[in-house]
Amino acid sequence: MKKLGVLFMAFVISSLCFAQTASQNPEFDKVCQNIAAHKITKGNFSQIKMIKKISREIRSSGTFIVSVDDGVLWNTQKPFKSSMAITKSGIVQTAANGKKSVVSSGSNATFEQVSSLMTSLFNGDSSALNKNFGIEFIGSAKSWNVNLTPRDSSIRSVISVIEMAGSASIDTMILHEQTGDFTKYEFSNQTFPSALTEEEKSGFKG
């Protein structure tokens, strides 16, 4: 479930980062265009996972990279070091000791579907966001909130709705699960470099 949640979140972020003009709402289009203007976005994240059944919070934090050419990379630093890269072809996980494992998108039907959606966005198919989510947008390009409801039943069986808020970039995201659990992400210190370092590129490779 954790891997699926990260995958869905990566898809949504890539949707906004790579979409051009996808809706009938001019302000939402401006949000997409502002985020899509950057080929690379880097920053810090903090995550709170709420497990309703046992009333427990699990916290983690680290850094992230969204790259049009490479994919989405999550480097968790606390409580344990690890990384997960979601690329067009699958998932690359790196443990604290440097050992890598690769999951091909074709080995799991849900992963394959979401990976396919991500690929369409990497290729400039800006209609994918509206095709796959019902969109409820409030605000303006300077300060906005959006709720995304998955249209696909297999995605909706896991994620009921995704809440996002931001300004020039995505500041918060909450994934609500059908179980009542939710995961909240906060993003900060975002920068937009022109290229990745060699070390950063290696995180995307199996």
Protein backbone atom coordinates (compact mmCIF):
# COMPACT_ATOMS: atom_id res chain seq x y z
CA MET A 1 0.00 0.00 0.00
CA LYS A 2 2.83 2.43 0.81
CA LYS A 3 4.37 1.87 -2.61
CA LEU A 4 1.03 2.40 -4.34
CA GLY A 5 0.45 5.61 -2.41
CA VAL A 6 3.83 7.01 -3.43
CA LEU A 7 3.18 5.93 -7.02
CA PHE A 8 -0.19 7.68 -7.17
CA MET A 9 1.29 10.79 -5.61
CA ALA A 10 4.13 10.78 -8.12
CA PHE A 11 1.61 10.47 -10.93
CA VAL A 12 -0.39 13.46 -9.70
CA ILE A 13 2.72 15.62 -9.28
CA SER A 14 3.94 14.65 -12.73
CA SER A 15 0.44 15.38 -14.08
CA LEU A 16 0.68 18.97 -12.93
CA CYS A 17 4.35 19.35 -13.77
CA PHE A 18 4.00 18.12 -17.34
CA ALA A 19 0.46 19.21 -18.24
CA GLN A 20 0.11 22.25 -20.44
CA THR A 21 -3.54 23.33 -20.77
CA ALA A 22 -5.94 20.59 -19.78
CA SER A 23 -9.18 22.05 -18.40
CA GLN A 24 -11.93 24.57 -19.01
CA ASN A 25 -10.87 26.60 -15.98
CA PRO A 26 -8.39 29.34 -16.99
CA GLU A 27 -7.00 29.68 -13.46
CA PHE A 28 -6.36 25.94 -13.16
CA ASP A 29 -4.68 26.05 -16.56
CA LYS A 30 -2.39 28.79 -15.24
CA VAL A 31 -1.46 26.61 -12.25
CA CYS A 32 -0.55 23.74 -14.59
CA GLN A 33 1.43 26.06 -16.84
CA ASN A 34 3.33 27.62 -13.92
CA ILE A 35 4.36 24.25 -12.55
CA ALA A 36 5.11 22.82 -16.01
CA ALA A 37 7.45 25.74 -16.76
CA HIS A 38 10.23 24.01 -14.81
CA LYS A 39 11.98 20.99 -16.30
CA ILE A 40 13.37 20.05 -12.88
CA THR A 41 11.96 20.71 -9.41
CA LYS A 42 13.84 19.87 -6.22
CA GLY A 43 12.94 20.39 -2.59
CA ASN A 44 12.24 18.96 0.85
CA PHE A 45 9.24 16.92 1.92
CA SER A 46 7.69 15.82 5.19
CA GLN A 47 5.16 13.01 5.35
CA ILE A 48 2.55 12.05 7.94
CA LYS A 49 0.81 8.71 7.47
CA MET A 50 -2.31 8.33 9.62
CA ILE A 51 -3.47 4.76 10.23
CA LYS A 52 -7.04 5.09 11.46
CA LYS A 53 -7.46 1.55 12.79
CA ILE A 54 -4.74 1.90 15.40
CA SER A 55 -4.83 5.73 15.71
CA ARG A 56 -1.16 5.96 14.87
CA GLU A 57 0.90 8.53 12.98
CA ILE A 58 4.03 7.56 11.06
CA ARG A 59 6.32 10.45 10.15
CA SER A 60 9.15 10.65 7.63
CA SER A 61 11.05 13.36 5.80
CA GLY A 62 13.65 13.88 3.12
CA THR A 63 14.16 15.40 -0.31
CA PHE A 64 12.50 14.95 -3.67
CA ILE A 65 13.24 15.52 -7.36
CA VAL A 66 10.77 15.80 -10.24
CA SER A 67 12.50 15.60 -13.62
CA VAL A 68 10.73 15.64 -16.99
CA ASP A 69 13.44 13.45 -18.49
CA ASP A 70 14.01 11.05 -15.59
CA GLY A 71 10.91 10.71 -13.41
CA VAL A 72 10.20 11.33 -9.73
CA LEU A 73 12.75 10.53 -6.99
CA TRP A 74 12.02 10.40 -3.24
CA ASN A 75 15.04 10.36 -0.92
CA THR A 76 13.87 9.56 2.60
CA GLN A 77 16.35 10.65 5.29
CA LYS A 78 14.32 10.10 8.47
CA PRO A 79 13.56 7.81 10.25
CA PHE A 80 15.63 5.59 7.91
CA LYS A 81 17.57 6.38 4.75
CA SER A 82 16.20 4.97 1.50
CA SER A 83 15.14 6.17 -1.92
CA MET A 84 12.46 5.36 -4.45
CA ALA A 85 12.50 6.46 -8.08
CA ILE A 86 9.36 6.19 -10.22
CA THR A 87 10.32 6.19 -13.88
CA LYS A 88 8.56 5.47 -17.16
CA SER A 89 9.58 1.82 -17.01
CA GLY A 90 9.11 1.01 -13.34
CA ILE A 91 10.30 1.59 -9.78
CA VAL A 92 13.90 1.66 -8.50
CA GLN A 93 14.37 1.33 -4.74
CA THR A 94 17.70 1.92 -3.02
CA ALA A 95 18.32 0.80 0.57
CA ALA A 96 20.60 2.56 3.06
CA ASN A 97 23.42 0.14 2.21
CA GLY A 98 23.20 1.07 -1.48
CA LYS A 99 21.52 -2.17 -2.60
CA LYS A 100 19.02 -1.58 -5.39
CA SER A 101 15.88 -3.44 -6.40
CA VAL A 102 13.88 -2.82 -9.56
CA VAL A 103 10.17 -3.45 -10.12
CA SER A 104 9.16 -3.34 -13.77
CA SER A 105 5.88 -1.57 -14.47
CA GLY A 106 4.77 -4.68 -16.37
CA SER A 107 5.00 -6.92 -13.28
CA ASN A 108 1.97 -5.34 -11.59
CA ALA A 109 -1.25 -4.39 -13.37
CA THR A 110 -1.88 -1.27 -11.25
CA PHE A 111 1.75 -0.13 -11.48
CA GLU A 112 1.61 -0.67 -15.24
CA GLN A 113 -1.53 1.40 -15.58
CA VAL A 114 -0.25 4.34 -13.55
CA SER A 115 3.15 4.14 -15.21
CA SER A 116 1.40 4.27 -18.57
CA LEU A 117 -0.43 7.40 -17.48
CA MET A 118 2.85 8.95 -16.35
CA THR A 119 4.44 8.09 -19.69
CA SER A 120 1.65 9.83 -21.58
CA LEU A 121 2.33 12.94 -19.52
CA PHE A 122 6.09 12.72 -20.08
CA ASN A 123 5.26 12.61 -23.79
CA GLY A 124 3.20 15.78 -23.57
CA ASP A 125 -0.32 14.27 -23.46
CA SER A 126 -1.85 17.03 -21.35
CA SER A 127 -5.38 15.61 -21.56
CA ALA A 128 -4.46 12.71 -19.21
CA LEU A 129 -5.16 14.67 -16.02
CA ASN A 130 -8.77 15.48 -16.94
CA LYS A 131 -9.27 12.06 -18.46
CA ASN A 132 -8.29 10.24 -15.27
CA PHE A 133 -9.54 12.58 -12.53
CA GLY A 134 -12.61 14.61 -11.72
CA ILE A 135 -11.29 18.09 -10.87
CA GLU A 136 -12.69 20.52 -8.30
CA PHE A 137 -10.65 23.74 -8.33
CA ILE A 138 -10.98 26.70 -5.93
CA GLY A 139 -8.95 29.91 -5.91
CA SER A 140 -6.55 31.50 -8.38
CA ALA A 141 -3.11 30.79 -9.81
CA LYS A 142 -1.61 32.71 -6.85
CA SER A 143 -3.38 30.70 -4.14
CA TRP A 144 -5.31 27.55 -4.96
CA ASN A 145 -6.87 24.33 -3.72
CA VAL A 146 -7.83 21.38 -5.89
CA ASN A 147 -9.52 18.05 -5.21
CA LEU A 148 -8.90 15.19 -7.63
CA THR A 149 -11.26 12.21 -7.70
CA PRO A 150 -9.94 9.18 -9.62
CA ARG A 151 -12.22 8.06 -12.45
CA ASP A 152 -10.67 4.61 -12.82
CA SER A 153 -12.20 2.01 -10.50
CA SER A 154 -8.88 0.26 -9.73
CA ILE A 155 -7.28 3.52 -8.60
CA ARG A 156 -10.45 4.61 -6.80
CA SER A 157 -10.48 1.33 -4.86
CA VAL A 158 -7.29 2.55 -3.13
CA ILE A 159 -7.44 6.36 -3.26
CA SER A 160 -10.81 8.08 -2.77
CA VAL A 161 -9.70 11.68 -3.27
CA ILE A 162 -6.50 13.71 -3.47
CA GLU A 163 -6.36 17.21 -1.99
CA MET A 164 -3.70 19.69 -3.04
CA ALA A 165 -2.93 23.31 -2.25
CA GLY A 166 -0.24 25.72 -3.37
CA SER A 167 0.75 28.93 -5.06
CA ALA A 168 3.56 28.96 -7.63
CA SER A 169 4.22 25.31 -6.75
CA ILE A 170 2.56 22.45 -4.88
CA ASP A 171 2.82 23.10 -1.13
CA THR A 172 0.68 20.32 0.36
CA MET A 173 -0.92 17.09 -0.82
CA ILE A 174 -3.22 14.70 1.06
CA LEU A 175 -4.08 11.24 -0.24
CA HIS A 176 -7.30 9.92 1.28
CA GLU A 177 -7.68 6.15 1.16
CA GLN A 178 -10.91 4.18 1.08
CA THR A 179 -9.96 2.66 4.45
CA GLY A 180 -10.12 6.07 6.14
CA ASP A 181 -6.32 6.30 6.35
CA PHE A 182 -4.61 9.29 4.81
CA THR A 183 -1.12 10.45 3.97
CA LYS A 184 -0.19 14.13 4.09
CA TYR A 185 2.85 15.58 2.31
CA GLU A 186 4.27 19.06 2.81
CA PHE A 187 6.79 20.44 0.31
CA SER A 188 9.27 23.24 1.01
CA ASN A 189 12.49 24.92 -0.17
CA GLN A 190 11.70 24.20 -3.80
CA THR A 191 14.28 25.11 -6.43
CA PHE A 192 14.37 24.72 -10.20
CA PRO A 193 17.89 23.84 -11.44
CA SER A 194 18.66 23.47 -15.12
CA ALA A 195 20.28 20.03 -14.74
CA LEU A 196 20.77 17.15 -12.32
CA THR A 197 24.10 16.17 -10.82
CA GLU A 198 25.57 12.79 -11.72
CA GLU A 199 24.78 11.52 -8.23
CA GLU A 200 21.14 12.57 -8.61
CA LYS A 201 20.91 10.88 -12.00
CA SER A 202 22.20 7.64 -10.52
CA GLY A 203 19.18 7.49 -8.20
CA PHE A 204 16.92 6.86 -11.18
CA LYS A 205 19.02 3.98 -12.52
CA GLY A 206 18.64 0.32 -11.56
